[in-house]
Protein backbone atom coordinates (compact mmCIF):
# COMPACT_ATOMS: atom_id res chain seq x y z
CA MET A 1 12.30 114.51 49.72
CA GLU A 2 13.55 112.90 46.41
CA ASP A 3 17.28 111.68 45.36
CA PRO A 4 18.34 114.31 42.83
CA THR A 5 21.15 111.14 41.98
CA GLN A 6 18.41 108.86 40.67
CA PRO A 7 17.32 108.99 37.13
CA SER A 8 13.52 109.99 36.69
CA ASP A 9 10.74 108.17 35.12
CA THR A 10 8.32 111.31 34.73
CA PRO A 11 6.89 111.67 31.31
CA HIS A 12 8.93 115.22 31.53
CA ASP A 13 12.34 113.94 31.30
CA SER A 14 11.28 111.80 28.90
CA SER A 15 11.02 114.25 26.67
CA GLU A 16 13.76 116.55 27.89
CA GLU A 17 15.75 113.16 26.45
CA THR A 18 14.24 113.62 23.23
CA GLU A 19 14.45 116.86 22.73
CA ALA A 20 18.19 116.35 22.98
CA LEU A 21 18.53 113.34 21.25
CA ALA A 22 16.55 115.38 18.18
CA LYS A 23 19.03 118.41 18.33
CA LEU A 24 22.00 116.32 17.78
CA LEU A 25 20.17 114.79 14.86
CA ARG A 26 20.32 118.66 13.83
CA LEU A 27 23.46 119.35 14.42
CA ALA A 28 25.47 116.47 12.87
CA GLY A 29 23.79 117.07 9.38
CA PRO A 30 22.52 114.73 6.81
CA ARG A 31 24.59 111.63 6.65
CA LEU A 32 26.84 110.68 3.06
CA PRO A 33 24.93 108.70 0.99
CA VAL A 34 26.45 105.08 1.08
CA PRO A 35 29.36 104.85 -2.15
CA ALA A 36 27.34 102.71 -4.82
CA GLU A 37 30.57 100.08 -4.86
CA ARG A 38 30.17 99.46 -0.96
CA GLU A 39 26.21 99.11 -1.51
CA ALA A 40 27.23 96.01 -3.63
CA ARG A 41 29.57 94.41 -1.70
CA LEU A 42 27.29 95.05 1.41
CA ARG A 43 24.50 93.02 -1.24
CA VAL A 44 26.58 90.22 -2.07
CA VAL A 45 27.54 89.69 1.59
CA SER A 46 23.84 89.23 2.45
CA HIS A 47 22.77 87.71 -0.91
CA GLY A 48 25.53 85.06 0.43
CA HIS A 49 25.00 84.13 4.16
CA TRP A 50 21.19 84.24 2.93
CA SER A 51 21.82 81.30 0.47
CA ALA A 52 24.26 79.50 2.81
CA SER A 53 20.93 79.81 5.29
CA VAL A 54 18.73 78.07 2.87
CA ARG A 55 21.50 75.36 2.11
CA ARG A 56 21.96 74.50 5.65
CA ALA A 57 17.76 73.78 5.95
CA ARG A 58 17.66 72.39 2.55
CA ARG A 59 20.60 69.95 4.12
CA LEU A 60 18.85 69.34 7.19
CA LYS A 61 15.67 68.64 5.65
CA TRP A 62 17.39 65.97 2.88
CA THR A 63 19.49 64.59 5.96
CA MET A 64 15.99 63.71 7.43
CA TRP A 65 15.12 62.19 4.63
CA THR A 66 17.55 59.94 4.64
CA GLY A 67 18.10 58.68 7.37
CA ALA A 68 14.46 57.59 8.11
CA SER A 69 14.80 56.24 4.44
CA LEU A 70 17.96 54.29 6.03
CA ALA A 71 16.11 53.60 9.29
CA ALA A 72 12.90 51.99 7.33
CA ALA A 73 15.61 49.96 4.98
CA GLY A 74 16.99 48.37 7.56
CA LEU A 75 13.49 47.64 9.19
CA VAL A 76 12.86 45.88 5.98
CA LEU A 77 16.93 43.75 6.14
CA THR A 78 16.50 42.75 9.84
CA VAL A 79 12.86 41.60 9.14
CA VAL A 80 14.17 39.22 6.32
CA ILE A 81 17.09 37.91 8.39
CA LEU A 82 14.74 37.26 10.34
CA ALA A 83 12.64 35.41 8.40
CA GLY A 84 16.01 33.51 7.61
CA TRP A 85 15.48 34.47 3.99
CA ARG A 86 12.22 33.20 3.08
CA PRO A 87 9.89 34.72 0.66
CA PHE A 88 8.87 37.81 1.70
CA PRO A 89 5.73 39.64 0.38
CA ILE A 90 7.92 42.80 -0.34
CA LEU A 91 6.29 42.95 -4.24
CA PRO A 92 3.39 44.68 -5.08
CA GLY A 93 0.53 41.86 -5.68
CA SER A 94 0.54 43.45 -9.36
CA ALA A 95 3.63 42.01 -10.48
CA PRO A 96 3.53 38.97 -12.58
CA ARG A 97 3.48 35.57 -10.77
CA VAL A 98 6.41 33.45 -12.42
CA ALA A 99 6.00 29.63 -9.91
CA THR A 100 3.64 28.61 -8.21
CA VAL A 101 4.87 26.40 -4.70
CA LEU A 102 3.61 22.62 -5.11
CA ARG A 103 4.95 21.02 -2.09
CA VAL A 104 7.33 21.55 1.25
CA GLU A 105 8.76 18.92 3.14
CA GLY A 106 10.73 19.61 6.83
CA PHE A 107 9.39 23.72 7.43
CA GLY A 108 7.95 23.68 11.16
CA ALA A 109 4.20 24.60 11.44
CA GLY A 110 2.99 28.53 11.34
CA GLN A 111 7.14 29.14 10.50
CA ALA A 112 7.54 32.68 10.02
CA GLY A 113 8.40 33.42 6.54
CA ALA A 114 7.70 29.77 5.90
CA PRO A 115 6.62 28.66 1.99
CA ALA A 116 3.31 26.82 1.32
CA ALA A 117 1.44 24.82 -0.85
CA GLY A 118 -0.29 27.39 -3.12
CA MET A 119 2.19 30.19 -2.72
CA ILE A 120 2.56 32.68 -5.86
CA LEU A 121 6.14 33.43 -6.22
CA ARG A 122 6.74 36.65 -8.02
CA PRO A 123 10.20 37.99 -9.46
CA GLY A 124 12.96 38.72 -6.84
CA ALA A 125 11.10 36.22 -4.46
CA ALA A 126 14.08 34.36 -2.27
CA LEU A 127 13.70 30.79 -1.65
CA ALA A 128 15.87 29.17 1.30
CA THR A 129 16.26 25.69 3.40
CA GLU A 130 18.07 24.47 6.06
CA SER A 131 19.04 21.26 7.23
CA GLY A 132 15.16 18.78 6.31
CA GLU A 133 13.49 21.40 4.64
CA ARG A 134 12.78 21.19 0.95
CA ILE A 135 11.11 22.96 -1.48
CA ALA A 136 9.18 22.01 -4.97
CA PHE A 137 7.39 24.47 -7.60
CA ARG A 138 5.79 25.02 -10.76
CA MET A 139 7.17 27.42 -13.57
CA LEU A 140 4.76 29.22 -15.76
CA ASP A 141 5.68 27.21 -18.72
CA GLY A 142 5.49 23.85 -16.87
CA ALA A 143 9.02 22.84 -15.22
CA THR A 144 8.50 21.58 -12.01
CA ILE A 145 11.98 23.10 -9.93
CA ARG A 146 13.04 21.42 -6.41
CA LEU A 147 14.90 22.70 -4.05
CA ASP A 148 17.16 20.55 -1.84
CA GLY A 149 18.10 21.46 1.96
CA ASP A 150 20.62 24.38 2.35
CA THR A 151 19.65 26.10 -0.76
CA ARG A 152 19.52 29.58 -1.32
CA LEU A 153 17.59 30.47 -5.13
CA HIS A 154 16.61 33.63 -6.62
CA LEU A 155 13.83 33.86 -8.78
CA ILE A 156 14.83 36.76 -11.57
CA SER A 157 12.07 36.26 -14.54
CA ALA A 158 9.65 33.37 -15.09
CA THR A 159 12.57 31.98 -17.34
CA ALA A 160 16.09 33.07 -15.13
CA LEU A 161 16.86 31.69 -12.04
CA GLU A 162 20.00 32.17 -9.95
CA LEU A 163 21.22 29.13 -7.25
CA SER A 164 23.69 30.06 -4.75
CA ARG A 165 23.84 27.62 -2.51
CA GLY A 166 22.81 23.74 -2.45
CA ALA A 167 21.57 21.60 -4.93
CA LEU A 168 17.90 21.75 -7.29
CA TYR A 169 16.42 19.50 -9.50
CA VAL A 170 15.24 20.46 -12.51
CA ASP A 171 11.76 18.81 -14.74
CA SER A 172 11.43 20.36 -17.80
CA GLY A 173 9.38 17.55 -20.24
CA ALA A 174 10.18 17.74 -23.58
CA PRO A 175 12.55 18.96 -25.61
CA ALA A 176 11.66 21.03 -29.02
CA PRO A 177 9.18 23.16 -27.42
CA ARG A 178 11.61 24.52 -24.64
CA GLN A 179 14.50 24.08 -25.93
CA GLY A 180 17.08 26.95 -23.74
CA LEU A 181 13.98 28.72 -22.60
CA LEU A 182 15.37 28.24 -18.52
CA GLU A 183 18.49 29.07 -17.59
CA ILE A 184 20.22 28.85 -13.90
CA ARG A 185 23.06 31.22 -12.96
CA THR A 186 25.83 29.77 -10.58
CA PRO A 187 28.66 30.90 -9.20
CA TRP A 188 30.42 28.75 -11.95
CA GLY A 189 28.56 29.25 -15.31
CA VAL A 190 25.23 29.47 -16.49
CA VAL A 191 23.12 25.87 -17.13
CA ARG A 192 20.60 26.20 -20.04
CA ASP A 193 17.90 23.41 -20.59
CA VAL A 194 17.59 21.41 -23.11
CA GLY A 195 14.84 20.23 -22.09
CA THR A 196 15.49 17.29 -20.06
CA GLN A 197 15.65 16.35 -15.95
CA PHE A 198 19.21 17.30 -14.52
CA GLN A 199 20.74 18.31 -10.97
CA ILE A 200 22.78 21.10 -9.89
CA ARG A 201 24.81 20.80 -7.00
CA LEU A 202 27.38 23.55 -5.34
CA VAL A 203 29.96 22.49 -3.70
CA GLU A 204 32.73 24.87 -2.33
CA ASP A 205 35.48 24.68 -5.37
CA GLY A 206 32.90 23.78 -8.18
CA ILE A 207 29.86 21.94 -9.28
CA HIS A 208 28.04 18.99 -10.69
CA LEU A 209 25.49 18.97 -13.90
CA SER A 210 23.76 15.73 -13.48
CA VAL A 211 20.93 14.37 -16.54
CA ARG A 212 18.91 11.91 -15.67
CA GLU A 213 17.52 12.11 -18.84
CA GLY A 214 17.41 14.52 -22.10
CA LYS A 215 20.74 17.04 -22.53
CA ALA A 216 21.65 19.53 -19.98
CA ARG A 217 24.67 22.24 -21.10
CA LEU A 218 26.59 24.16 -19.02
CA GLU A 219 27.97 27.44 -20.69
CA ARG A 220 31.46 29.28 -18.70
CA GLU A 221 33.93 31.63 -20.02
CA GLY A 222 32.61 31.84 -23.42
CA THR A 223 32.81 27.99 -24.16
CA ALA A 224 29.02 24.95 -23.31
CA HIS A 225 29.92 21.84 -22.53
CA GLU A 226 27.03 19.44 -22.35
CA ALA A 227 25.85 16.99 -20.25
CA LEU A 228 24.03 14.01 -21.95
CA SER A 229 21.08 11.46 -20.90
CA GLY A 230 22.90 9.27 -17.53
CA THR A 231 25.77 11.29 -17.39
CA GLU A 232 27.42 13.44 -14.54
CA LEU A 233 29.85 17.15 -15.54
CA ILE A 234 31.93 17.89 -12.82
CA LEU A 235 34.02 20.96 -12.93
CA ARG A 236 35.93 22.28 -10.43
CA SER A 237 38.71 25.11 -9.90
CA GLY A 238 41.77 24.59 -11.11
CA ALA A 239 40.78 21.26 -12.01
CA GLY A 240 38.99 22.03 -15.47
CA VAL A 241 35.92 19.98 -16.66
CA THR A 242 35.36 16.06 -16.62
CA THR A 243 32.14 13.39 -17.49
CA ARG A 244 31.28 10.43 -15.90
CA PRO A 245 28.81 7.77 -16.82
CA ILE A 246 25.77 7.56 -13.61
CA SER A 247 22.92 5.52 -12.80
CA ARG A 248 19.42 7.49 -12.99
CA THR A 249 18.60 5.92 -10.41
CA GLY A 250 19.98 5.68 -6.39
CA GLU A 251 21.10 7.74 -4.38
CA ASP A 252 22.21 10.57 -5.36
CA TRP A 253 18.15 10.52 -6.58
CA GLU A 254 16.31 9.98 -3.53
CA TRP A 255 15.80 13.11 -2.01
CA ILE A 256 14.04 14.26 -5.07
CA ALA A 257 11.28 11.74 -4.99
CA GLY A 258 10.91 12.62 -1.88
CA ILE A 259 9.16 15.95 -2.51
CA ALA A 260 7.61 15.26 -5.64
CA PRO A 261 4.15 16.77 -6.21
CA PRO A 262 1.83 14.46 -5.45
CA PHE A 263 -0.03 12.24 -7.48
CA GLU A 264 -4.07 12.66 -8.10
CA LEU A 265 -4.36 8.68 -8.02
CA GLU A 266 -8.58 8.28 -7.58
CA GLY A 267 -9.76 7.57 -11.22
CA ARG A 268 -6.23 7.53 -13.09
CA PRO A 269 -5.90 4.70 -15.36
CA LEU A 270 -2.65 2.76 -14.14
CA GLY A 271 -0.44 3.24 -17.41
CA GLU A 272 -0.62 6.62 -16.19
CA TYR A 273 0.41 6.21 -12.46
CA LEU A 274 3.43 4.12 -13.47
CA ASP A 275 3.78 7.06 -16.05
CA TRP A 276 4.58 9.41 -13.08
CA VAL A 277 6.56 6.29 -11.23
CA SER A 278 8.80 5.89 -13.42
CA GLN A 279 9.13 10.34 -14.17
CA GLU A 280 9.71 10.73 -10.99
CA THR A 281 11.96 7.68 -10.24
CA GLY A 282 14.00 7.28 -12.96
CA LEU A 283 12.95 4.00 -13.39
CA ALA A 284 12.04 1.85 -16.54
CA ILE A 285 8.85 0.21 -16.48
CA ARG A 286 8.56 -3.37 -18.64
CA PHE A 287 5.65 -5.93 -18.18
CA GLU A 288 6.94 -10.14 -17.50
CA ASP A 289 3.74 -10.67 -20.20
CA ALA A 290 4.28 -8.20 -22.62
CA ALA A 291 0.60 -9.36 -23.73
CA GLU A 292 -0.49 -8.58 -21.00
CA ALA A 293 0.57 -4.62 -20.49
CA GLY A 294 -2.27 -2.86 -22.52
CA ARG A 295 -4.90 -4.27 -20.69
CA ALA A 296 -3.10 -3.76 -16.92
CA ARG A 297 -2.63 -0.12 -17.99
CA ALA A 298 -6.13 0.64 -18.91
CA ILE A 299 -7.23 -0.62 -15.23
CA VAL A 300 -8.80 2.76 -13.69
CA LEU A 301 -7.20 2.77 -9.96
CA HIS A 302 -9.29 4.67 -6.58
CA GLY A 303 -7.93 6.04 -3.52
CA ALA A 304 -4.61 8.23 -2.65
CA ILE A 305 -1.10 8.33 -1.85
CA ASP A 306 -0.52 11.85 -0.75
CA THR A 307 1.81 10.15 1.77
CA LEU A 308 3.56 7.41 -0.49
CA SER A 309 6.56 8.20 -1.91
CA PRO A 310 6.44 7.28 -5.60
CA ARG A 311 8.40 3.42 -4.78
CA GLU A 312 6.38 3.49 -1.42
CA SER A 313 3.18 4.07 -3.54
CA LEU A 314 3.85 0.60 -5.83
CA ALA A 315 3.50 -1.77 -2.48
CA ALA A 316 -0.31 0.38 -1.80
CA VAL A 317 -1.04 0.27 -5.48
CA LEU A 318 0.08 -2.73 -8.13
CA PRO A 319 -1.98 -5.42 -5.49
CA THR A 320 -5.23 -3.98 -6.29
CA CYS A 321 -4.27 -4.14 -9.88
CA GLY A 322 -3.54 -8.20 -9.25
CA LEU A 323 -0.47 -7.35 -9.88
CA THR A 324 2.94 -7.28 -8.12
CA HIS A 325 6.72 -5.97 -8.79
CA SER A 326 10.54 -6.54 -8.63
CA PHE A 327 13.48 -4.21 -9.53
CA GLU A 328 16.81 -5.22 -11.88
CA GLY A 329 18.99 -2.42 -11.85
CA ASP A 330 17.19 0.32 -13.24
CA THR A 331 13.82 -1.28 -14.34
CA LEU A 332 10.50 -1.96 -12.49
CA ILE A 333 8.94 -5.48 -13.83
CA ILE A 334 5.69 -6.12 -12.94
CA ARG A 335 3.98 -9.56 -13.12
CA PRO A 336 0.78 -10.99 -12.32
CA ALA A 337 0.70 -11.51 -8.71
CA ALA A 338 1.03 -15.08 -7.45
CA PRO A 339 -2.42 -16.73 -5.04
CA GLY A 340 -2.07 -15.20 -1.97
CA GLU A 341 0.23 -12.38 -3.09
CA THR A 342 -2.68 -10.12 -3.65
CA PRO A 343 -4.42 -8.83 -0.27
C-alpha cells in the first residue's frame, strides 16, 4: 500500500504542481516595471563588476608574462656570472664588429666563455681576465689593446671603452690621423688617445697613466691633464695630480711584450723585424757600425718566432744574420758577431 506521506514522482503530481504555480502567478498579477533610476544603478554596478573581472584577468596575464621574462633574465644573468664575465654571444651576429681578438694567454683549453684568437668583438662585449690571464685585440682603426690580469673592460663602441678594474695598454700608432679618436672611460676620468703608446692602471684610490711614446690626456671634472712621452701621471683621491719621469722599458712594461701579437718573420726584412722589437719593447735601436746598418736591415729572414717574446727572439734571429747584440739602458746595440759567436 502506498504511503501517503511520501512525495509522488508521477506525471499527474507534477502537473498539479505546475497548475498551482501558474494560479499563484495569475493572482499576483503583472509586476511593476523597475524604476529607471534603479535600472541605471544596476547597470553601473554590473559594468563595474565586469570591468574589475577584465582587469584581474589582464593583471594575471601581465604577471605571468613578467614572471617568465624575469626568470629568463635571471637565467641569462646566471649564465653570464657562471661564465666569469667572458665575451658572451648575447648580441645578434649582425651587430657591427668593433674589434678582433689577436692573442690570449693563460686561459684553460676549452674553458667555457673564454676568448680565442680570431674572435669577433661587438658593441656591448665584456672582457674579463683573472690572475695569469691576458688578452690582446685590435680595434677597427688599427689600434691594439692589451689587457693585463685581473682586469674588467666593456667595449661600448669602436671608439669608446670602459675600464672598471685592472690595467690596459694602448698602441694607436701615429698621432695625426687618429687624434682624439679613442677614449677610455674610468672611474677617475676619461683618458683620450692622442696617438701614442700608453698604459692605464687603476689602483684602489686612483689611476696611473704611463706614456711610453707620444701623448695621452686625462680629463676629469672639466680639467685636462696631459702626460708626455717618458712620464707617468698619477691621480689619487684627495692628493690631486702629480707626474714623474719613467723609463720606456723595464718591469712595468714586461707584461705588454708577453702578450704582443705574433710577428710573421718568414720573408720579412731584418729592418721590419727590428722596428717591431722596438715598438714592443720600447728599446731604441742602434747599429754599432752605422755604415753597415742599411745592408743589415735589408737581410731577408726565414722561420717563425711565434712562441718567443720580442726580447727572447733577438737571440734566435740576430745570429742567423751574422749579428749579435747588447743593451745600454733603453738602447739595443747591434754589431757584427765575432768569430765563434754565430751558430
